[in-house]
């Protein structure tokens, strides 16, 4: 997709602005200037992170809308949240729903309708059940990448990053499309979760970082945070510290906070 000059200028100005609560990374920032080999799409989680059943009450009932800056390797030992501290999907969806409902105004696009919100909720559940990726992790990445705007623009810093999850060269997008068809919503979530021909999605990254690293040390939550960082920047820095390595230094910390209840409190990340 090629941007018009006006759209490019708009996005550049938006990306340069000081971040507002809940809006902390620049669209398309992850994966630009990163080279990938061809991937096998349709990945599912085969590691100990696999979630085979959908349970909306799968965590803490009520999270706290507060931001804690996390640094280091993503381990519980380094102070990062354990899986037992994550909020439930039900709570996470309900607390983020008002933000999703107004998420497209920033792009001068129509905000999601009630029907589109329902379709997004169902798409997350559908793809989670197909890929065994925790639905809370999918929702956290969606909120980080697009705030849930179905009509988010496709960005390009060398590679197209379309859709809800600003994935690597996927086919799903509803930019300029109103209403957004349910099949397009599902495709956007599939592209970011299962992966595309251009790059890995959450499923493959979870397996890589849990089977090959954190999981072997018994810290599954650490594998999630590593996978989030790799989704953002292509890899985890050699130091192992998730704030290192370019792209968005706060990305993994943001995801950890979203998974424990952060929605709109001040973004207290200074990396």
C-alpha atoms as a PDB file:
ATOM      1  CA  UNK A   1       0.000   0.000   0.000  1.00  0.00           C
ATOM      2  CA  UNK A   2       1.359   3.435  -0.846  1.00  0.00           C
ATOM      3  CA  UNK A   3       0.436   6.353   1.354  1.00  0.00           C
ATOM      4  CA  UNK A   4      -0.788   9.632   0.020  1.00  0.00           C
ATOM      5  CA  UNK A   5       1.366  12.602   0.965  1.00  0.00           C
ATOM      6  CA  UNK A   6      -1.352  13.891   3.266  1.00  0.00           C
ATOM      7  CA  UNK A   7      -1.681  10.601   5.126  1.00  0.00           C
ATOM      8  CA  UNK A   8       2.066  10.256   5.468  1.00  0.00           C
ATOM      9  CA  UNK A   9       2.348  13.747   6.934  1.00  0.00           C
ATOM     10  CA  UNK A  10      -0.516  13.038   9.290  1.00  0.00           C
ATOM     11  CA  UNK A  11       1.057   9.834  10.596  1.00  0.00           C
ATOM     12  CA  UNK A  12       4.461  11.461  10.918  1.00  0.00           C
ATOM     13  CA  UNK A  13       2.987  14.265  12.989  1.00  0.00           C
ATOM     14  CA  UNK A  14       1.032  11.788  15.104  1.00  0.00           C
ATOM     15  CA  UNK A  15       4.096   9.641  15.721  1.00  0.00           C
ATOM     16  CA  UNK A  16       6.144  12.672  16.768  1.00  0.00           C
ATOM     17  CA  UNK A  17       3.657  13.838  19.373  1.00  0.00           C
ATOM     18  CA  UNK A  18       4.063  13.201  23.083  1.00  0.00           C
ATOM     19  CA  UNK A  19       2.354   9.931  23.983  1.00  0.00           C
ATOM     20  CA  UNK A  20      -1.072  10.108  25.577  1.00  0.00           C
ATOM     21  CA  UNK A  21      -2.208   7.643  28.246  1.00  0.00           C
ATOM     22  CA  UNK A  22      -2.711   4.293  26.543  1.00  0.00           C
ATOM     23  CA  UNK A  23      -1.049   5.375  23.263  1.00  0.00           C
ATOM     24  CA  UNK A  24       2.612   4.587  23.513  1.00  0.00           C
ATOM     25  CA  UNK A  25       4.101   3.306  20.328  1.00  0.00           C
ATOM     26  CA  UNK A  26       4.270   4.589  16.826  1.00  0.00           C
ATOM     27  CA  UNK A  27       2.240   2.650  14.294  1.00  0.00           C
ATOM     28  CA  UNK A  28       4.362   0.392  12.164  1.00  0.00           C
ATOM     29  CA  UNK A  29       7.426   0.929  14.329  1.00  0.00           C
ATOM     30  CA  UNK A  30       8.005  -2.761  14.955  1.00  0.00           C
ATOM     31  CA  UNK A  31       9.672  -4.760  12.219  1.00  0.00           C
ATOM     32  CA  UNK A  32      10.750  -1.848  10.024  1.00  0.00           C
ATOM     33  CA  UNK A  33      14.203  -2.469   8.536  1.00  0.00           C
ATOM     34  CA  UNK A  34      14.038  -6.060   9.802  1.00  0.00           C
ATOM     35  CA  UNK A  35      14.701  -8.890   7.360  1.00  0.00           C
ATOM     36  CA  UNK A  36      12.701 -12.092   7.653  1.00  0.00           C
ATOM     37  CA  UNK A  37      12.859 -15.374   5.848  1.00  0.00           C
ATOM     38  CA  UNK A  38       9.610 -16.843   4.556  1.00  0.00           C
ATOM     39  CA  UNK A  39       7.446 -18.294   7.314  1.00  0.00           C
ATOM     40  CA  UNK A  40       4.919 -21.077   7.522  1.00  0.00           C
ATOM     41  CA  UNK A  41       1.578 -19.452   8.216  1.00  0.00           C
ATOM     42  CA  UNK A  42      -1.119 -20.963  10.398  1.00  0.00           C
ATOM     43  CA  UNK A  43       1.175 -21.547  13.385  1.00  0.00           C
ATOM     44  CA  UNK A  44      -0.275 -22.893  16.624  1.00  0.00           C
ATOM     45  CA  UNK A  45       1.294 -22.979  20.059  1.00  0.00           C
ATOM     46  CA  UNK A  46       2.778 -26.379  20.860  1.00  0.00           C
ATOM     47  CA  UNK A  47       4.699 -25.388  23.991  1.00  0.00           C
ATOM     48  CA  UNK A  48       3.613 -25.243  27.621  1.00  0.00           C
ATOM     49  CA  UNK A  49       2.054 -21.855  26.833  1.00  0.00           C
ATOM     50  CA  UNK A  50      -0.692 -23.552  24.799  1.00  0.00           C
ATOM     51  CA  UNK A  51      -4.188 -22.678  26.037  1.00  0.00           C
ATOM     52  CA  UNK A  52      -6.533 -25.325  24.677  1.00  0.00           C
ATOM     53  CA  UNK A  53      -9.783 -24.040  26.177  1.00  0.00           C
ATOM     54  CA  UNK A  54     -11.448 -20.634  26.210  1.00  0.00           C
ATOM     55  CA  UNK A  55     -12.201 -19.399  29.722  1.00  0.00           C
ATOM     56  CA  UNK A  56     -13.185 -15.761  30.143  1.00  0.00           C
ATOM     57  CA  UNK A  57     -12.633 -15.953  33.909  1.00  0.00           C
ATOM     58  CA  UNK A  58      -9.028 -17.072  33.598  1.00  0.00           C
ATOM     59  CA  UNK A  59      -7.298 -14.572  35.860  1.00  0.00           C
ATOM     60  CA  UNK A  60      -7.612 -11.962  38.583  1.00  0.00           C
ATOM     61  CA  UNK A  61     -11.156 -10.584  38.595  1.00  0.00           C
ATOM     62  CA  UNK A  62     -10.229  -6.924  38.927  1.00  0.00           C
ATOM     63  CA  UNK A  63      -6.979  -5.436  37.708  1.00  0.00           C
ATOM     64  CA  UNK A  64      -5.527  -2.093  38.749  1.00  0.00           C
ATOM     65  CA  UNK A  65      -5.289   0.723  36.204  1.00  0.00           C
ATOM     66  CA  UNK A  66      -1.738   1.645  37.139  1.00  0.00           C
ATOM     67  CA  UNK A  67       1.556   1.600  35.251  1.00  0.00           C
ATOM     68  CA  UNK A  68       4.719   0.027  36.658  1.00  0.00           C
ATOM     69  CA  UNK A  69       7.913   0.289  34.632  1.00  0.00           C
ATOM     70  CA  UNK A  70       9.525  -3.137  34.300  1.00  0.00           C
ATOM     71  CA  UNK A  71      13.155  -3.570  33.302  1.00  0.00           C
ATOM     72  CA  UNK A  72      15.464  -6.501  32.760  1.00  0.00           C
ATOM     73  CA  UNK A  73      14.896  -9.927  31.266  1.00  0.00           C
ATOM     74  CA  UNK A  74      11.156 -10.310  31.864  1.00  0.00           C
ATOM     75  CA  UNK A  75      11.522 -12.865  34.640  1.00  0.00           C
ATOM     76  CA  UNK A  76       9.509 -12.989  37.832  1.00  0.00           C
ATOM     77  CA  UNK A  77      12.845 -12.868  39.632  1.00  0.00           C
ATOM     78  CA  UNK A  78      13.483  -9.491  37.983  1.00  0.00           C
ATOM     79  CA  UNK A  79      10.141  -8.207  39.252  1.00  0.00           C
ATOM     80  CA  UNK A  80       7.905  -8.867  36.232  1.00  0.00           C
ATOM     81  CA  UNK A  81       4.326 -10.139  36.780  1.00  0.00           C
ATOM     82  CA  UNK A  82       3.702 -13.870  36.979  1.00  0.00           C
ATOM     83  CA  UNK A  83       0.840 -15.525  35.099  1.00  0.00           C
ATOM     84  CA  UNK A  84      -1.143 -15.635  38.345  1.00  0.00           C
ATOM     85  CA  UNK A  85      -1.147 -11.819  38.400  1.00  0.00           C
ATOM     86  CA  UNK A  86      -2.769 -11.442  34.974  1.00  0.00           C
ATOM     87  CA  UNK A  87      -6.360 -10.236  34.902  1.00  0.00           C
ATOM     88  CA  UNK A  88      -9.140 -12.288  33.364  1.00  0.00           C
ATOM     89  CA  UNK A  89     -10.072 -11.867  29.719  1.00  0.00           C
ATOM     90  CA  UNK A  90     -13.548 -10.782  30.783  1.00  0.00           C
ATOM     91  CA  UNK A  91     -12.158  -7.971  32.915  1.00  0.00           C
ATOM     92  CA  UNK A  92      -9.584  -7.001  30.308  1.00  0.00           C
ATOM     93  CA  UNK A  93     -12.175  -6.785  27.529  1.00  0.00           C
ATOM     94  CA  UNK A  94     -14.685  -4.798  29.590  1.00  0.00           C
ATOM     95  CA  UNK A  95     -12.131  -2.275  30.853  1.00  0.00           C
ATOM     96  CA  UNK A  96     -10.636  -1.721  27.401  1.00  0.00           C
ATOM     97  CA  UNK A  97     -13.943  -1.696  25.517  1.00  0.00           C
ATOM     98  CA  UNK A  98     -14.576   2.062  26.000  1.00  0.00           C
ATOM     99  CA  UNK A  99     -11.131   2.817  24.541  1.00  0.00           C
ATOM    100  CA  UNK A 100     -11.745   0.506  21.588  1.00  0.00           C
ATOM    101  CA  UNK A 101     -15.121   2.173  20.969  1.00  0.00           C
ATOM    102  CA  UNK A 102     -13.394   5.537  20.371  1.00  0.00           C
ATOM    103  CA  UNK A 103     -10.133   4.244  18.914  1.00  0.00           C
ATOM    104  CA  UNK A 104     -10.537   5.306  15.287  1.00  0.00           C
ATOM    105  CA  UNK A 105     -11.134   9.020  15.863  1.00  0.00           C
ATOM    106  CA  UNK A 106      -7.358   9.554  16.027  1.00  0.00           C
ATOM    107  CA  UNK A 107      -7.155   8.429  12.377  1.00  0.00           C
ATOM    108  CA  UNK A 108     -10.182  10.425  11.203  1.00  0.00           C
ATOM    109  CA  UNK A 109     -11.997   7.131  10.630  1.00  0.00           C
ATOM    110  CA  UNK A 110     -15.426   6.040  11.911  1.00  0.00           C
ATOM    111  CA  UNK A 111     -15.271   4.474  15.358  1.00  0.00           C
ATOM    112  CA  UNK A 112     -16.291   0.810  15.736  1.00  0.00           C
ATOM    113  CA  UNK A 113     -20.001   0.077  15.918  1.00  0.00           C
ATOM    114  CA  UNK A 114     -21.528  -2.204  18.539  1.00  0.00           C
ATOM    115  CA  UNK A 115     -21.730  -4.963  15.929  1.00  0.00           C
ATOM    116  CA  UNK A 116     -18.070  -4.503  15.004  1.00  0.00           C
ATOM    117  CA  UNK A 117     -17.099  -4.634  18.685  1.00  0.00           C
ATOM    118  CA  UNK A 118     -18.972  -7.918  19.028  1.00  0.00           C
ATOM    119  CA  UNK A 119     -17.268  -9.258  15.914  1.00  0.00           C
ATOM    120  CA  UNK A 120     -13.845  -8.256  17.254  1.00  0.00           C
ATOM    121  CA  UNK A 121     -14.533 -10.021  20.542  1.00  0.00           C
ATOM    122  CA  UNK A 122     -15.613 -13.152  18.669  1.00  0.00           C
ATOM    123  CA  UNK A 123     -12.619 -12.972  16.312  1.00  0.00           C
ATOM    124  CA  UNK A 124     -10.180 -12.927  19.231  1.00  0.00           C
ATOM    125  CA  UNK A 125     -11.899 -15.939  20.782  1.00  0.00           C
ATOM    126  CA  UNK A 126     -11.997 -17.797  17.465  1.00  0.00           C
ATOM    127  CA  UNK A 127      -8.329 -17.286  16.658  1.00  0.00           C
ATOM    128  CA  UNK A 128      -7.309 -18.057  20.245  1.00  0.00           C
ATOM    129  CA  UNK A 129      -9.137 -21.388  20.056  1.00  0.00           C
ATOM    130  CA  UNK A 130      -7.530 -22.199  16.699  1.00  0.00           C
ATOM    131  CA  UNK A 131      -3.955 -21.267  17.630  1.00  0.00           C
ATOM    132  CA  UNK A 132      -3.934 -21.993  21.393  1.00  0.00           C
ATOM    133  CA  UNK A 133      -2.581 -18.487  22.017  1.00  0.00           C
ATOM    134  CA  UNK A 134      -3.924 -16.974  25.237  1.00  0.00           C
ATOM    135  CA  UNK A 135      -6.749 -14.598  24.272  1.00  0.00           C
ATOM    136  CA  UNK A 136      -5.484 -12.065  26.824  1.00  0.00           C
ATOM    137  CA  UNK A 137      -2.126 -11.889  25.062  1.00  0.00           C
ATOM    138  CA  UNK A 138      -3.846 -11.344  21.702  1.00  0.00           C
ATOM    139  CA  UNK A 139      -5.964  -8.524  23.138  1.00  0.00           C
ATOM    140  CA  UNK A 140      -2.937  -6.905  24.791  1.00  0.00           C
ATOM    141  CA  UNK A 141      -1.066  -6.822  21.475  1.00  0.00           C
ATOM    142  CA  UNK A 142      -4.132  -5.411  19.689  1.00  0.00           C
ATOM    143  CA  UNK A 143      -4.410  -2.607  22.255  1.00  0.00           C
ATOM    144  CA  UNK A 144      -0.703  -1.882  21.984  1.00  0.00           C
ATOM    145  CA  UNK A 145      -0.653  -1.807  18.196  1.00  0.00           C
ATOM    146  CA  UNK A 146      -3.913  -0.083  17.244  1.00  0.00           C
ATOM    147  CA  UNK A 147      -6.013   0.549  20.383  1.00  0.00           C
ATOM    148  CA  UNK A 148      -8.486  -1.810  18.691  1.00  0.00           C
ATOM    149  CA  UNK A 149      -9.245   0.474  15.749  1.00  0.00           C
ATOM    150  CA  UNK A 150     -10.569  -1.751  12.958  1.00  0.00           C
ATOM    151  CA  UNK A 151      -9.835   0.964  10.394  1.00  0.00           C
ATOM    152  CA  UNK A 152      -6.260   1.613  11.473  1.00  0.00           C
ATOM    153  CA  UNK A 153      -3.997   2.716   8.579  1.00  0.00           C
ATOM    154  CA  UNK A 154      -1.402   0.411   7.080  1.00  0.00           C
ATOM    155  CA  UNK A 155       2.030   1.783   7.904  1.00  0.00           C
ATOM    156  CA  UNK A 156       5.202   1.178   5.942  1.00  0.00           C
ATOM    157  CA  UNK A 157       8.775   1.748   7.063  1.00  0.00           C
ATOM    158  CA  UNK A 158      10.121  -0.649   4.464  1.00  0.00           C
ATOM    159  CA  UNK A 159       7.497  -3.346   5.108  1.00  0.00           C
ATOM    160  CA  UNK A 160       3.699  -3.099   5.116  1.00  0.00           C
ATOM    161  CA  UNK A 161       2.291  -3.380   8.651  1.00  0.00           C
ATOM    162  CA  UNK A 162      -1.507  -3.578   8.236  1.00  0.00           C
ATOM    163  CA  UNK A 163      -4.443  -4.187  10.478  1.00  0.00           C
ATOM    164  CA  UNK A 164      -5.319  -4.430  14.139  1.00  0.00           C
ATOM    165  CA  UNK A 165      -1.991  -6.016  15.058  1.00  0.00           C
ATOM    166  CA  UNK A 166       0.162  -4.117  12.520  1.00  0.00           C
ATOM    167  CA  UNK A 167       1.453  -7.497  11.364  1.00  0.00           C
ATOM    168  CA  UNK A 168       4.217  -8.237   8.870  1.00  0.00           C
ATOM    169  CA  UNK A 169       2.751  -7.929   5.381  1.00  0.00           C
ATOM    170  CA  UNK A 170      -0.588  -9.591   6.067  1.00  0.00           C
ATOM    171  CA  UNK A 171      -3.701  -9.322   3.922  1.00  0.00           C
ATOM    172  CA  UNK A 172      -6.203  -8.233   6.561  1.00  0.00           C
ATOM    173  CA  UNK A 173      -7.105  -4.537   6.707  1.00  0.00           C
ATOM    174  CA  UNK A 174     -10.203  -2.371   6.931  1.00  0.00           C
ATOM    175  CA  UNK A 175      -8.596   1.030   6.475  1.00  0.00           C
ATOM    176  CA  UNK A 176     -11.201   3.180   4.746  1.00  0.00           C
ATOM    177  CA  UNK A 177     -13.773   0.361   4.886  1.00  0.00           C
ATOM    178  CA  UNK A 178     -17.060   0.909   6.709  1.00  0.00           C
ATOM    179  CA  UNK A 179     -18.491  -1.336   7.928  1.00  0.00           C
ATOM    180  CA  UNK A 180     -15.570  -3.699   8.448  1.00  0.00           C
ATOM    181  CA  UNK A 181     -16.693  -7.241   7.462  1.00  0.00           C
ATOM    182  CA  UNK A 182     -16.354  -9.889  10.141  1.00  0.00           C
ATOM    183  CA  UNK A 183     -14.149 -12.014   7.887  1.00  0.00           C
ATOM    184  CA  UNK A 184     -11.729  -9.098   7.572  1.00  0.00           C
ATOM    185  CA  UNK A 185     -11.612  -8.704  11.342  1.00  0.00           C
ATOM    186  CA  UNK A 186     -10.836 -12.404  11.734  1.00  0.00           C
ATOM    187  CA  UNK A 187      -8.139 -12.147   9.052  1.00  0.00           C
ATOM    188  CA  UNK A 188      -6.433  -9.267  10.846  1.00  0.00           C
ATOM    189  CA  UNK A 189      -6.321 -11.225  14.094  1.00  0.00           C
ATOM    190  CA  UNK A 190      -5.144 -14.368  12.281  1.00  0.00           C
ATOM    191  CA  UNK A 191      -2.333 -12.512  10.510  1.00  0.00           C
ATOM    192  CA  UNK A 192      -0.913 -11.185  13.760  1.00  0.00           C
ATOM    193  CA  UNK A 193      -1.416 -14.372  15.741  1.00  0.00           C
ATOM    194  CA  UNK A 194      -0.743 -17.190  13.259  1.00  0.00           C
ATOM    195  CA  UNK A 195       1.818 -15.258  11.226  1.00  0.00           C
ATOM    196  CA  UNK A 196       2.176 -14.391   7.557  1.00  0.00           C
ATOM    197  CA  UNK A 197       4.481 -15.373   4.711  1.00  0.00           C
ATOM    198  CA  UNK A 198       6.589 -12.371   5.697  1.00  0.00           C
ATOM    199  CA  UNK A 199       7.009 -12.869   9.416  1.00  0.00           C
ATOM    200  CA  UNK A 200       6.140 -14.814  12.536  1.00  0.00           C
ATOM    201  CA  UNK A 201       2.995 -14.209  14.545  1.00  0.00           C
ATOM    202  CA  UNK A 202       2.472 -14.598  18.266  1.00  0.00           C
ATOM    203  CA  UNK A 203       2.099 -18.401  18.146  1.00  0.00           C
ATOM    204  CA  UNK A 204       5.498 -19.092  16.591  1.00  0.00           C
ATOM    205  CA  UNK A 205       7.197 -16.482  18.764  1.00  0.00           C
ATOM    206  CA  UNK A 206       5.740 -17.988  21.930  1.00  0.00           C
ATOM    207  CA  UNK A 207       7.053 -21.415  20.982  1.00  0.00           C
ATOM    208  CA  UNK A 208      10.465 -20.003  20.149  1.00  0.00           C
ATOM    209  CA  UNK A 209      10.850 -18.111  23.398  1.00  0.00           C
ATOM    210  CA  UNK A 210       9.249 -20.679  25.678  1.00  0.00           C
ATOM    211  CA  UNK A 211      10.622 -23.909  24.219  1.00  0.00           C
ATOM    212  CA  UNK A 212      13.984 -22.342  23.490  1.00  0.00           C
ATOM    213  CA  UNK A 213      14.472 -20.104  26.484  1.00  0.00           C
ATOM    214  CA  UNK A 214      12.301 -18.936  29.329  1.00  0.00           C
ATOM    215  CA  UNK A 215      10.159 -22.061  29.513  1.00  0.00           C
ATOM    216  CA  UNK A 216      13.216 -24.211  29.989  1.00  0.00           C
ATOM    217  CA  UNK A 217      13.893 -22.187  33.108  1.00  0.00           C
ATOM    218  CA  UNK A 218      10.333 -22.676  34.325  1.00  0.00           C
ATOM    219  CA  UNK A 219       9.181 -19.077  33.844  1.00  0.00           C
ATOM    220  CA  UNK A 220       6.359 -19.164  31.282  1.00  0.00           C
ATOM    221  CA  UNK A 221       5.400 -15.516  31.808  1.00  0.00           C
ATOM    222  CA  UNK A 222       8.925 -14.514  30.840  1.00  0.00           C
ATOM    223  CA  UNK A 223       8.438 -16.292  27.530  1.00  0.00           C
ATOM    224  CA  UNK A 224       5.356 -14.174  26.840  1.00  0.00           C
ATOM    225  CA  UNK A 225       7.227 -10.945  27.503  1.00  0.00           C
ATOM    226  CA  UNK A 226      10.135 -12.077  25.332  1.00  0.00           C
ATOM    227  CA  UNK A 227       7.694 -12.988  22.548  1.00  0.00           C
ATOM    228  CA  UNK A 228       6.086  -9.549  22.805  1.00  0.00           C
ATOM    229  CA  UNK A 229       9.477  -7.874  22.478  1.00  0.00           C
ATOM    230  CA  UNK A 230      10.329 -10.034  19.470  1.00  0.00           C
ATOM    231  CA  UNK A 231       6.990  -9.163  17.851  1.00  0.00           C
ATOM    232  CA  UNK A 232       7.925  -5.518  18.259  1.00  0.00           C
ATOM    233  CA  UNK A 233      11.570  -5.523  17.224  1.00  0.00           C
ATOM    234  CA  UNK A 234      12.208  -8.867  15.535  1.00  0.00           C
ATOM    235  CA  UNK A 235      14.323 -10.340  18.313  1.00  0.00           C
ATOM    236  CA  UNK A 236      15.388  -9.969  21.919  1.00  0.00           C
ATOM    237  CA  UNK A 237      18.620  -8.039  22.447  1.00  0.00           C
ATOM    238  CA  UNK A 238      21.777 -10.013  23.177  1.00  0.00           C
ATOM    239  CA  UNK A 239      21.793  -8.527  26.684  1.00  0.00           C
ATOM    240  CA  UNK A 240      18.489 -10.275  27.395  1.00  0.00           C
ATOM    241  CA  UNK A 241      17.064  -7.021  28.711  1.00  0.00           C
ATOM    242  CA  UNK A 242      13.693  -6.362  27.135  1.00  0.00           C
ATOM    243  CA  UNK A 243      14.138  -2.589  27.088  1.00  0.00           C
ATOM    244  CA  UNK A 244      17.226  -2.966  24.872  1.00  0.00           C
ATOM    245  CA  UNK A 245      17.405  -3.497  21.125  1.00  0.00           C
ATOM    246  CA  UNK A 246      15.687  -0.601  19.390  1.00  0.00           C
ATOM    247  CA  UNK A 247      12.116  -0.220  18.087  1.00  0.00           C
ATOM    248  CA  UNK A 248       9.949   0.518  21.169  1.00  0.00           C
ATOM    249  CA  UNK A 249      11.959   0.083  24.410  1.00  0.00           C
ATOM    250  CA  UNK A 250       8.807   0.197  26.563  1.00  0.00           C
ATOM    251  CA  UNK A 251       6.952  -2.418  24.493  1.00  0.00           C
ATOM    252  CA  UNK A 252       7.339  -5.487  26.728  1.00  0.00           C
ATOM    253  CA  UNK A 253       6.748  -3.419  29.852  1.00  0.00           C
ATOM    254  CA  UNK A 254       3.578  -2.022  28.269  1.00  0.00           C
ATOM    255  CA  UNK A 255       2.309  -5.530  27.491  1.00  0.00           C
ATOM    256  CA  UNK A 256       3.003  -6.722  31.049  1.00  0.00           C
ATOM    257  CA  UNK A 257       1.021  -3.764  32.374  1.00  0.00           C
ATOM    258  CA  UNK A 258      -1.882  -4.350  29.991  1.00  0.00           C
ATOM    259  CA  UNK A 259      -2.054  -7.961  31.167  1.00  0.00           C
ATOM    260  CA  UNK A 260      -2.338  -6.829  34.792  1.00  0.00           C
ATOM    261  CA  UNK A 261      -4.992  -4.138  34.340  1.00  0.00           C
ATOM    262  CA  UNK A 262      -3.438  -0.981  32.920  1.00  0.00           C
ATOM    263  CA  UNK A 263      -5.756   0.915  30.578  1.00  0.00           C
ATOM    264  CA  UNK A 264      -5.406   4.692  30.739  1.00  0.00           C
ATOM    265  CA  UNK A 265      -3.293   5.618  33.756  1.00  0.00           C
ATOM    266  CA  UNK A 266      -0.198   7.719  33.125  1.00  0.00           C
ATOM    267  CA  UNK A 267       2.376   5.930  30.984  1.00  0.00           C
ATOM    268  CA  UNK A 268       5.264   5.991  33.432  1.00  0.00           C
ATOM    269  CA  UNK A 269       7.893   4.425  31.183  1.00  0.00           C
ATOM    270  CA  UNK A 270      11.073   6.425  30.671  1.00  0.00           C
ATOM    271  CA  UNK A 271      13.252   4.161  28.526  1.00  0.00           C
END
